[in-house]
Amino acid sequence: FQKYTHKDTDKSKLNLFISQKDKMSTKLRELIRNVRGCKTAAEERALVSKEKAAIRASFTDNEEEYRARSIAKLLFIHMLGHDTDFGQIECLKLITSQNYSDKKIGYLGLTQLFNEKSEILMMATHRMRSDLTSPTHYVVALALSAISEISSADMCKDVAPEVAKLMVSGNNYIKKKSALAAVRIVKKVPELIDEFLDKITKLMEERHHGVLLSTLSLIIEILVQDKEKYKEKFRKYVHFLIKVLKNLVSSYSAEFDISGIIDPFLQITILKFFGIMGEGDDAISEEVNDILTQVATNTGSVKNTGNAVLFECVRTIFNIESSNTLKTLAINILGKFLASKESNSKNLRYVALQSLQKV
């Protein structure tokens, strides 16, 4: 009888072990399906608590084969608004992995589950610096993306030299990523601006849209930090960017077409640059007058992409020393927004009214 009981107990433990493993290997899509199937908030909280307990147990048992999957599930749970701080250390373990898929999940967790005030974030600095020198540009891009998202002032100081080198030494994919990382560095540590000025000169010679867009974002951030000191440094790009914007408005490229507008992201960023440079400057304002008129009259307002460009054009017109004719054109655009009957008309009316308050 005792022998039978012993066997029966072992069998029960084995079944329990298998059951726990099954729970631990629950896939992300299954978790999403289960959450969607919850009828009440209380039912969702119970499901999430159960899943968090299983994930926590997996971390405690150091189950490496489930670590990436567990972090992916924690990211989803984090999106639902639940606490996931206990997964931060596991993210640090994943970014040290030699497996790219695991490293990618680790960096994604780093950018979402951490913030710049997280006490253990500095532990990732050494790993990031190491990945910035990786021969695989996809790994370099992961580190650059993390820097541009969550790096603190101290981290920015540590990685700034590597980022500056990558701005001119990598391919276009790395150049645009490093320029965006530089935006974060400039925002957190303005005294490092001078380290990137020479790199900007070289990047502005590129014709790749992504590189140009990222570099312009960096220039705009520098002007926001200290316009008086650096405005003359960037004055030379006004004429060049007028040509770029004119080409975007008047030509067609299937590669950059979004709902009938050619690269609206680049158009909007160029307009922002004009708005900052033309503020209080009659010469620059007069120089950009014609291209602003062209954007305002030739951009369609049927889709959101066109409305976004038009709205930024209006903001630029009101920001610079524009003529009364140009201001009238801008007010007419706002009037069209107010009279719009499109599905997104409420948003258009809101931004139009907000803009009219500043006229």
Protein backbone atom coordinates (compact mmCIF):
# COMPACT_ATOMS: atom_id res chain seq x y z
CA PHE A 1 0.00 0.00 0.00
CA GLN A 2 2.84 2.39 0.88
CA LYS A 3 4.60 1.56 -2.41
CA TYR A 4 1.43 2.29 -4.35
CA THR A 5 0.94 5.57 -2.51
CA HIS A 6 4.54 6.61 -3.27
CA LYS A 7 4.09 5.92 -6.99
CA ASP A 8 0.79 7.73 -6.99
CA THR A 9 2.38 10.77 -5.30
CA ASP A 10 5.25 10.84 -7.83
CA LYS A 11 2.73 10.67 -10.66
CA SER A 12 0.78 13.58 -9.18
CA LYS A 13 3.96 15.66 -8.86
CA LEU A 14 4.85 14.84 -12.47
CA ASN A 15 1.40 15.91 -13.67
CA LEU A 16 1.67 19.11 -11.65
CA PHE A 17 5.12 19.82 -13.13
CA ILE A 18 3.86 19.26 -16.67
CA SER A 19 0.85 21.46 -15.96
CA GLN A 20 3.10 24.27 -14.71
CA LYS A 21 5.29 23.99 -17.79
CA ASP A 22 2.25 24.18 -20.05
CA LYS A 23 1.15 27.35 -18.29
CA MET A 24 4.63 28.80 -18.56
CA SER A 25 4.86 28.08 -22.29
CA THR A 26 1.60 29.89 -23.01
CA LYS A 27 2.15 31.89 -26.15
CA LEU A 28 1.53 35.60 -26.46
CA ARG A 29 -1.30 35.12 -28.93
CA GLU A 30 -3.04 32.78 -26.48
CA LEU A 31 -2.76 35.38 -23.72
CA ILE A 32 -4.20 38.05 -26.00
CA ARG A 33 -7.05 35.74 -26.97
CA ASN A 34 -7.80 34.97 -23.32
CA VAL A 35 -7.76 38.66 -22.34
CA ARG A 36 -10.10 39.52 -25.18
CA GLY A 37 -12.43 36.80 -23.97
CA CYS A 38 -12.79 38.36 -20.52
CA LYS A 39 -16.31 39.65 -19.88
CA THR A 40 -15.50 41.99 -16.99
CA ALA A 41 -12.58 44.05 -15.69
CA ALA A 42 -12.40 41.82 -12.62
CA GLU A 43 -12.06 38.75 -14.81
CA GLU A 44 -9.25 40.43 -16.74
CA ARG A 45 -7.42 41.38 -13.55
CA ALA A 46 -7.66 37.81 -12.29
CA LEU A 47 -6.30 36.43 -15.56
CA VAL A 48 -3.45 38.94 -15.64
CA SER A 49 -2.55 38.25 -12.00
CA LYS A 50 -2.41 34.53 -12.72
CA GLU A 51 -0.23 35.08 -15.79
CA LYS A 52 2.09 37.44 -13.90
CA ALA A 53 2.51 34.83 -11.17
CA ALA A 54 3.48 32.22 -13.77
CA ILE A 55 5.94 34.61 -15.41
CA ARG A 56 7.44 35.52 -12.05
CA ALA A 57 7.88 31.84 -11.25
CA SER A 58 9.61 31.32 -14.59
CA PHE A 59 12.03 34.15 -13.82
CA THR A 60 12.71 32.73 -10.36
CA ASP A 61 13.49 29.31 -11.87
CA ASN A 62 15.77 31.03 -14.44
CA GLU A 63 14.03 29.35 -17.37
CA GLU A 64 16.02 30.90 -20.22
CA GLU A 65 14.00 29.20 -22.95
CA TYR A 66 10.89 31.12 -21.87
CA ARG A 67 12.52 34.45 -20.99
CA ALA A 68 11.91 36.23 -24.32
CA ARG A 69 8.34 34.92 -24.48
CA SER A 70 7.70 36.07 -20.91
CA ILE A 71 8.98 39.58 -21.64
CA ALA A 72 6.78 39.75 -24.74
CA LYS A 73 3.78 38.86 -22.58
CA LEU A 74 4.81 41.42 -19.97
CA LEU A 75 4.89 44.06 -22.71
CA PHE A 76 1.29 43.25 -23.55
CA ILE A 77 0.33 43.28 -19.87
CA HIS A 78 2.10 46.64 -19.51
CA MET A 79 -0.02 47.98 -22.39
CA LEU A 80 -3.11 47.02 -20.39
CA GLY A 81 -1.92 49.27 -17.56
CA HIS A 82 -0.69 46.67 -15.07
CA ASP A 83 2.55 46.84 -13.07
CA THR A 84 5.43 44.95 -14.71
CA ASP A 85 8.50 46.33 -12.93
CA PHE A 86 9.62 42.87 -11.85
CA GLY A 87 10.60 42.11 -15.47
CA GLN A 88 13.22 44.86 -15.76
CA ILE A 89 16.19 42.73 -14.70
CA GLU A 90 15.17 40.05 -17.22
CA CYS A 91 15.24 42.68 -19.99
CA LEU A 92 18.86 43.42 -19.05
CA LYS A 93 19.63 39.71 -19.33
CA LEU A 94 18.04 39.52 -22.77
CA ILE A 95 19.99 42.43 -24.26
CA THR A 96 23.21 40.55 -23.45
CA SER A 97 22.04 37.56 -25.48
CA GLN A 98 23.88 36.59 -28.66
CA ASN A 99 20.56 35.63 -30.24
CA TYR A 100 19.22 38.59 -32.23
CA SER A 101 15.55 37.75 -31.62
CA ASP A 102 16.08 37.63 -27.86
CA LYS A 103 18.15 40.81 -27.93
CA LYS A 104 15.41 42.59 -29.90
CA ILE A 105 12.77 41.63 -27.33
CA GLY A 106 15.12 42.73 -24.56
CA TYR A 107 15.64 46.17 -26.08
CA LEU A 108 11.91 46.52 -26.72
CA GLY A 109 11.29 45.72 -23.06
CA LEU A 110 14.01 48.20 -22.11
CA THR A 111 12.29 51.05 -23.96
CA GLN A 112 8.79 50.22 -22.67
CA LEU A 113 9.20 48.85 -19.15
CA PHE A 114 11.93 51.32 -18.12
CA ASN A 115 12.09 55.10 -18.01
CA GLU A 116 15.04 57.43 -17.59
CA LYS A 117 14.45 57.53 -13.82
CA SER A 118 14.64 53.74 -13.39
CA GLU A 119 17.33 52.99 -10.84
CA ILE A 120 18.74 49.99 -12.69
CA LEU A 121 18.79 51.61 -16.14
CA MET A 122 22.46 52.58 -15.79
CA MET A 123 23.27 48.86 -15.74
CA ALA A 124 22.42 48.78 -19.44
CA THR A 125 24.93 51.48 -20.42
CA HIS A 126 27.92 49.15 -20.84
CA ARG A 127 25.88 46.73 -22.94
CA MET A 128 24.63 49.56 -25.15
CA ARG A 129 28.16 50.88 -25.74
CA SER A 130 29.25 47.38 -26.66
CA ASP A 131 26.37 46.94 -29.11
CA LEU A 132 27.14 50.32 -30.72
CA THR A 133 30.41 48.80 -31.94
CA SER A 134 28.84 45.56 -33.17
CA PRO A 135 29.65 44.51 -36.78
CA THR A 136 25.93 43.77 -37.27
CA HIS A 137 24.16 47.00 -38.09
CA TYR A 138 20.81 45.64 -36.89
CA VAL A 139 22.28 45.22 -33.40
CA VAL A 140 23.72 48.75 -33.58
CA ALA A 141 20.26 50.03 -34.56
CA LEU A 142 18.67 48.40 -31.49
CA ALA A 143 21.08 50.20 -29.18
CA LEU A 144 20.58 53.52 -30.99
CA SER A 145 16.80 53.18 -30.75
CA ALA A 146 17.03 52.56 -27.01
CA ILE A 147 19.28 55.60 -26.56
CA SER A 148 16.85 57.82 -28.44
CA GLU A 149 13.95 56.59 -26.30
CA ILE A 150 15.00 56.35 -22.66
CA SER A 151 18.61 57.44 -22.08
CA SER A 152 19.23 59.67 -19.09
CA ALA A 153 21.64 62.62 -19.04
CA ASP A 154 24.43 60.46 -17.58
CA MET A 155 23.91 57.76 -20.20
CA CYS A 156 23.91 60.40 -22.96
CA LYS A 157 27.31 61.64 -21.81
CA ASP A 158 28.69 58.10 -21.89
CA VAL A 159 27.45 57.15 -25.37
CA ALA A 160 27.80 60.51 -27.16
CA PRO A 161 31.26 59.77 -28.68
CA GLU A 162 30.08 56.47 -30.21
CA VAL A 163 26.89 58.06 -31.55
CA ALA A 164 28.86 60.92 -33.14
CA LYS A 165 31.12 58.42 -34.95
CA LEU A 166 28.17 56.42 -36.27
CA MET A 167 26.58 59.56 -37.74
CA VAL A 168 29.20 59.59 -40.49
CA SER A 169 30.62 56.07 -40.57
CA GLY A 170 27.57 53.83 -40.89
CA ASN A 171 25.19 53.14 -43.76
CA ASN A 172 22.08 55.27 -44.25
CA TYR A 173 20.06 53.06 -41.92
CA ILE A 174 22.55 53.65 -39.10
CA LYS A 175 23.03 57.33 -39.95
CA LYS A 176 19.35 58.14 -39.49
CA LYS A 177 19.18 56.12 -36.27
CA SER A 178 22.27 57.84 -34.87
CA ALA A 179 20.90 61.30 -35.76
CA LEU A 180 17.75 60.51 -33.78
CA ALA A 181 19.88 59.32 -30.86
CA ALA A 182 21.77 62.62 -31.11
CA VAL A 183 18.42 64.45 -30.76
CA ARG A 184 17.95 62.81 -27.38
CA ILE A 185 21.53 63.60 -26.33
CA VAL A 186 21.17 67.27 -27.31
CA LYS A 187 17.87 67.50 -25.45
CA LYS A 188 19.31 65.98 -22.26
CA VAL A 189 22.83 67.48 -22.41
CA PRO A 190 22.80 70.73 -24.47
CA GLU A 191 26.49 71.34 -23.80
CA LEU A 192 27.29 68.44 -26.15
CA ILE A 193 25.78 70.21 -29.19
CA ASP A 194 29.16 71.22 -30.61
CA GLU A 195 30.20 67.57 -30.91
CA PHE A 196 27.57 67.03 -33.60
CA LEU A 197 27.85 70.19 -35.71
CA ASP A 198 30.49 68.85 -38.11
CA LYS A 199 28.55 65.62 -38.47
CA ILE A 200 25.42 67.56 -39.43
CA THR A 201 27.29 69.24 -42.28
CA LYS A 202 28.15 65.84 -43.76
CA LEU A 203 24.69 64.38 -43.21
CA MET A 204 23.00 67.29 -44.98
CA GLU A 205 24.91 66.29 -48.11
CA GLU A 206 22.98 63.01 -48.17
CA ARG A 207 19.94 62.67 -50.43
CA HIS A 208 18.37 59.81 -48.52
CA HIS A 209 14.99 60.98 -47.19
CA GLY A 210 15.33 59.17 -43.87
CA VAL A 211 18.77 60.63 -43.19
CA LEU A 212 17.61 64.12 -44.18
CA LEU A 213 14.51 63.88 -41.98
CA SER A 214 16.48 62.71 -38.94
CA THR A 215 19.17 65.35 -39.43
CA LEU A 216 16.57 68.10 -39.72
CA SER A 217 15.01 66.88 -36.47
CA LEU A 218 18.44 67.25 -34.85
CA ILE A 219 18.88 70.76 -36.27
CA ILE A 220 15.45 71.79 -35.00
CA GLU A 221 16.26 70.51 -31.50
CA ILE A 222 19.54 72.44 -31.52
CA LEU A 223 17.69 75.62 -32.53
CA VAL A 224 15.16 75.01 -29.76
CA GLN A 225 18.01 74.75 -27.24
CA ASP A 226 19.95 77.83 -28.40
CA LYS A 227 18.62 79.61 -31.48
CA GLU A 228 20.70 82.75 -31.11
CA LYS A 229 23.99 80.87 -31.06
CA TYR A 230 23.35 78.41 -33.88
CA LYS A 231 20.91 80.13 -36.27
CA GLU A 232 23.63 81.50 -38.55
CA LYS A 233 25.23 78.06 -38.69
CA PHE A 234 22.09 76.65 -40.33
CA ARG A 235 21.06 79.64 -42.46
CA LYS A 236 22.88 78.11 -45.45
CA TYR A 237 20.41 75.21 -45.55
CA VAL A 238 17.34 77.37 -46.19
CA HIS A 239 17.91 77.65 -49.95
CA PHE A 240 18.72 73.95 -50.28
CA LEU A 241 15.59 72.91 -48.37
CA ILE A 242 13.43 75.20 -50.49
CA LYS A 243 14.55 73.17 -53.50
CA VAL A 244 13.87 69.90 -51.70
CA LEU A 245 10.37 70.98 -50.66
CA LYS A 246 9.57 72.31 -54.13
CA ASN A 247 10.57 68.97 -55.61
CA LEU A 248 8.38 67.10 -53.11
CA VAL A 249 5.36 69.27 -53.91
CA SER A 250 5.71 69.31 -57.70
CA SER A 251 6.94 65.79 -58.51
CA TYR A 252 5.73 62.22 -57.91
CA SER A 253 7.54 59.25 -56.37
CA ALA A 254 5.71 56.00 -55.68
CA GLU A 255 8.34 55.11 -53.08
CA PHE A 256 7.39 58.05 -50.83
CA ASP A 257 3.71 58.47 -51.73
CA ILE A 258 1.31 58.45 -48.76
CA SER A 259 -2.32 59.04 -49.76
CA GLY A 260 -1.30 61.28 -52.63
CA ILE A 261 1.27 63.32 -50.67
CA ILE A 262 4.98 62.76 -51.29
CA ASP A 263 6.78 62.15 -47.98
CA PRO A 264 4.55 64.29 -45.75
CA PHE A 265 6.86 63.68 -42.78
CA LEU A 266 9.78 65.35 -44.54
CA GLN A 267 7.57 68.17 -45.81
CA ILE A 268 6.29 68.91 -42.29
CA THR A 269 9.79 68.86 -40.81
CA ILE A 270 11.10 71.26 -43.47
CA LEU A 271 8.18 73.59 -42.76
CA LYS A 272 8.98 73.48 -39.03
CA PHE A 273 12.57 74.43 -39.85
CA PHE A 274 11.37 77.38 -41.93
CA GLY A 275 9.07 78.47 -39.10
CA ILE A 276 11.93 78.58 -36.59
CA MET A 277 14.45 80.20 -38.94
CA GLY A 278 12.00 82.77 -40.32
CA GLU A 279 10.76 83.98 -36.95
CA GLY A 280 11.88 87.60 -36.58
CA ASP A 281 13.96 87.38 -39.79
CA ASP A 282 12.59 89.36 -42.75
CA ALA A 283 15.18 88.03 -45.22
CA ILE A 284 14.46 84.34 -44.61
CA SER A 285 10.72 85.00 -44.43
CA GLU A 286 10.79 86.62 -47.85
CA GLU A 287 12.93 83.79 -49.23
CA VAL A 288 10.43 81.09 -48.20
CA ASN A 289 7.35 83.11 -49.17
CA ASP A 290 6.97 81.56 -52.65
CA ILE A 291 7.39 77.94 -51.56
CA LEU A 292 4.87 78.39 -48.73
CA THR A 293 2.38 79.75 -51.25
CA GLN A 294 3.03 76.75 -53.48
CA VAL A 295 2.52 74.28 -50.61
CA ALA A 296 -0.68 76.02 -49.50
CA THR A 297 -2.24 76.05 -52.98
CA ASN A 298 -1.05 72.70 -54.38
CA THR A 299 -1.54 70.38 -51.40
CA GLY A 300 -4.78 68.42 -51.41
CA SER A 301 -6.98 68.43 -48.33
CA VAL A 302 -8.97 65.26 -48.99
CA LYS A 303 -6.88 62.98 -46.75
CA ASN A 304 -5.28 63.45 -43.35
CA THR A 305 -1.79 63.52 -44.84
CA GLY A 306 -2.62 66.61 -46.88
CA ASN A 307 -4.34 68.27 -43.94
CA ALA A 308 -1.29 67.66 -41.77
CA VAL A 309 0.99 69.37 -44.29
CA LEU A 310 -1.45 72.27 -44.70
CA PHE A 311 -1.75 72.72 -40.95
CA GLU A 312 2.03 72.88 -40.53
CA CYS A 313 2.18 75.31 -43.46
CA VAL A 314 -0.35 77.55 -41.69
CA ARG A 315 1.65 77.41 -38.46
CA THR A 316 4.80 78.37 -40.35
CA ILE A 317 3.07 81.30 -42.08
CA PHE A 318 1.89 82.70 -38.75
CA ASN A 319 5.29 82.12 -37.15
CA ILE A 320 7.43 83.98 -39.70
CA GLU A 321 7.31 87.58 -40.91
CA SER A 322 4.90 86.75 -43.71
CA SER A 323 2.96 89.12 -45.93
CA ASN A 324 -0.71 89.91 -45.46
CA THR A 325 -1.48 88.01 -48.67
CA LEU A 326 0.11 84.86 -47.28
CA LYS A 327 -1.66 85.27 -43.95
CA THR A 328 -4.98 85.61 -45.77
CA LEU A 329 -4.22 82.35 -47.60
CA ALA A 330 -3.52 80.66 -44.27
CA ILE A 331 -6.79 81.91 -42.76
CA ASN A 332 -8.68 80.60 -45.81
CA ILE A 333 -7.16 77.16 -45.17
CA LEU A 334 -8.36 77.29 -41.57
CA GLY A 335 -11.78 78.30 -42.84
CA LYS A 336 -11.88 75.17 -44.99
CA PHE A 337 -10.97 73.12 -41.93
CA LEU A 338 -13.86 74.69 -39.99
CA ALA A 339 -16.31 74.00 -42.84
CA SER A 340 -15.08 70.43 -43.41
CA LYS A 341 -17.67 67.63 -43.43
CA GLU A 342 -15.17 64.78 -43.54
CA SER A 343 -15.16 61.98 -40.97
CA ASN A 344 -12.26 63.66 -39.15
CA SER A 345 -13.89 67.12 -39.23
CA LYS A 346 -13.93 67.44 -35.43
CA ASN A 347 -10.15 67.21 -35.29
CA LEU A 348 -9.80 69.69 -38.15
CA ARG A 349 -12.13 72.16 -36.46
CA TYR A 350 -10.26 71.84 -33.19
CA VAL A 351 -6.82 72.59 -34.71
CA ALA A 352 -8.32 75.41 -36.81
CA LEU A 353 -9.87 77.09 -33.76
CA GLN A 354 -6.67 76.61 -31.80
CA SER A 355 -4.68 78.27 -34.60
CA LEU A 356 -7.11 81.15 -34.96
CA GLN A 357 -6.61 81.99 -31.28
CA LYS A 358 -2.98 82.83 -32.09
CA VAL A 359 -3.72 85.03 -35.11
